[in-house]
Amino acid sequence: MRCMTKPAATLSAAESPARDTSAAGRRVNARLDAQAQAELECLTRETGLSVTGIIRRAIHRYYQQRLAPVHSVADEFADLVGAIEGPEDWSLDYKRGLSEGLAQKLA
């Protein structure tokens, strides 16, 4: 099995949540299937982190992912809407316009 992860030394501050030094840290008991157990063992070997460190980072990353705003493809192109000039019906008849443009270029 090959792990796809960064070594512990290269984790960014966002990927390295602060260590809980309080004595009141909560203990978690979890059941893992064989695949999850193998992945966890691989991560501990590859990163040099403890199981606790890996679980903390996984929870932190999942938490940040859940808080991240959801973007649609339309959001990515929102700045382009209205930025290009052309016929209003271009989306309905673009093939004709492309054919005419190509004919003019080749003439």
Protein backbone atom coordinates (compact mmCIF):
# COMPACT_ATOMS: atom_id res chain seq x y z
CA MET A 1 0.00 0.00 0.00
CA ARG A 2 1.27 3.48 -0.85
CA CYS A 3 0.22 6.44 1.26
CA MET A 4 -0.73 9.69 -0.42
CA THR A 5 0.17 12.20 2.27
CA LYS A 6 2.73 14.85 3.13
CA PRO A 7 5.38 14.14 5.76
CA ALA A 8 4.62 15.72 9.12
CA ALA A 9 7.36 18.31 8.67
CA THR A 10 5.68 19.77 5.58
CA LEU A 11 2.17 20.19 6.96
CA SER A 12 0.99 23.79 6.85
CA ALA A 13 -0.33 25.61 9.91
CA ALA A 14 -3.89 25.01 8.68
CA GLU A 15 -3.19 21.29 8.48
CA SER A 16 -1.55 21.18 11.91
CA PRO A 17 -4.17 22.04 14.52
CA ALA A 18 -2.84 23.06 17.90
CA ARG A 19 -2.09 20.23 20.29
CA ASP A 20 -4.53 19.90 23.20
CA THR A 21 -2.37 20.16 26.27
CA SER A 22 -5.25 20.20 28.72
CA ALA A 23 -5.68 17.22 31.00
CA ALA A 24 -9.40 17.26 30.18
CA GLY A 25 -8.93 16.03 26.58
CA ARG A 26 -11.72 13.71 25.47
CA ARG A 27 -10.84 10.07 24.84
CA VAL A 28 -12.41 8.50 21.75
CA ASN A 29 -12.89 4.80 21.10
CA ALA A 30 -13.57 3.89 17.46
CA ARG A 31 -14.03 0.65 15.56
CA LEU A 32 -12.17 0.53 12.25
CA ASP A 33 -12.65 -1.91 9.41
CA ALA A 34 -9.56 -3.58 7.92
CA GLN A 35 -9.14 -0.94 5.20
CA ALA A 36 -9.33 2.01 7.62
CA GLN A 37 -6.93 0.25 10.00
CA ALA A 38 -4.42 -0.33 7.19
CA GLU A 39 -4.70 3.30 6.06
CA LEU A 40 -4.22 4.54 9.63
CA GLU A 41 -1.14 2.34 10.10
CA CYS A 42 0.26 3.57 6.80
CA LEU A 43 -0.28 7.19 7.82
CA THR A 44 1.42 6.70 11.18
CA ARG A 45 4.41 5.07 9.46
CA GLU A 46 4.68 7.62 6.66
CA THR A 47 4.16 10.77 8.73
CA GLY A 48 5.67 9.76 12.05
CA LEU A 49 2.56 11.12 13.75
CA SER A 50 0.67 9.35 16.48
CA VAL A 51 -2.81 7.94 15.91
CA THR A 52 -4.12 10.83 17.99
CA GLY A 53 -2.29 13.37 15.80
CA ILE A 54 -3.67 11.85 12.62
CA ILE A 55 -7.22 11.76 13.98
CA ARG A 56 -6.95 15.37 15.17
CA ARG A 57 -5.79 16.50 11.74
CA ALA A 58 -8.50 14.48 10.00
CA ILE A 59 -11.20 15.99 12.20
CA HIS A 60 -9.79 19.49 11.70
CA ARG A 61 -9.60 19.08 7.92
CA TYR A 62 -13.15 17.65 7.73
CA TYR A 63 -14.44 20.45 9.95
CA GLN A 64 -12.81 23.11 7.74
CA GLN A 65 -14.19 21.41 4.63
CA ARG A 66 -17.71 21.47 6.07
CA LEU A 67 -17.40 25.17 6.87
CA ALA A 68 -16.08 26.10 3.43
CA PRO A 69 -18.60 27.90 1.25
CA VAL A 70 -20.14 25.77 -1.47
CA HIS A 71 -19.36 27.02 -4.97
CA SER A 72 -21.14 26.03 -8.12
CA VAL A 73 -19.69 26.10 -11.62
CA ALA A 74 -21.88 29.15 -12.29
CA ASP A 75 -20.19 30.95 -9.35
CA GLU A 76 -16.80 30.38 -10.98
CA PHE A 77 -17.91 32.15 -14.19
CA ALA A 78 -20.07 34.87 -12.58
CA ASP A 79 -17.49 37.59 -13.28
CA LEU A 80 -17.59 36.78 -16.99
CA VAL A 81 -21.36 37.20 -17.38
CA GLY A 82 -21.94 40.34 -19.43
CA ALA A 83 -18.21 40.87 -20.02
CA ILE A 84 -18.35 39.82 -23.67
CA GLU A 85 -20.16 41.87 -26.28
CA GLY A 86 -22.06 40.36 -29.18
CA PRO A 87 -25.53 39.66 -30.50
CA GLU A 88 -28.17 39.07 -27.85
CA ASP A 89 -29.29 35.85 -29.54
CA TRP A 90 -25.73 34.50 -29.85
CA SER A 91 -26.47 31.48 -27.66
CA LEU A 92 -29.35 30.50 -29.93
CA ASP A 93 -27.59 30.98 -33.26
CA TYR A 94 -23.88 30.73 -32.57
CA LYS A 95 -23.15 28.12 -35.27
CA ARG A 96 -24.31 30.49 -38.00
CA GLY A 97 -22.17 33.26 -36.54
CA LEU A 98 -19.13 31.01 -36.39
CA SER A 99 -19.68 29.86 -39.98
CA GLU A 100 -19.97 33.46 -41.18
CA GLY A 101 -16.88 34.49 -39.26
CA LEU A 102 -14.88 31.60 -40.68
CA ALA A 103 -16.12 32.37 -44.22
CA GLN A 104 -14.98 36.02 -43.83
CA LYS A 105 -11.58 34.92 -42.50
CA LEU A 106 -11.01 32.51 -45.41
CA ALA A 107 -12.24 34.96 -48.08
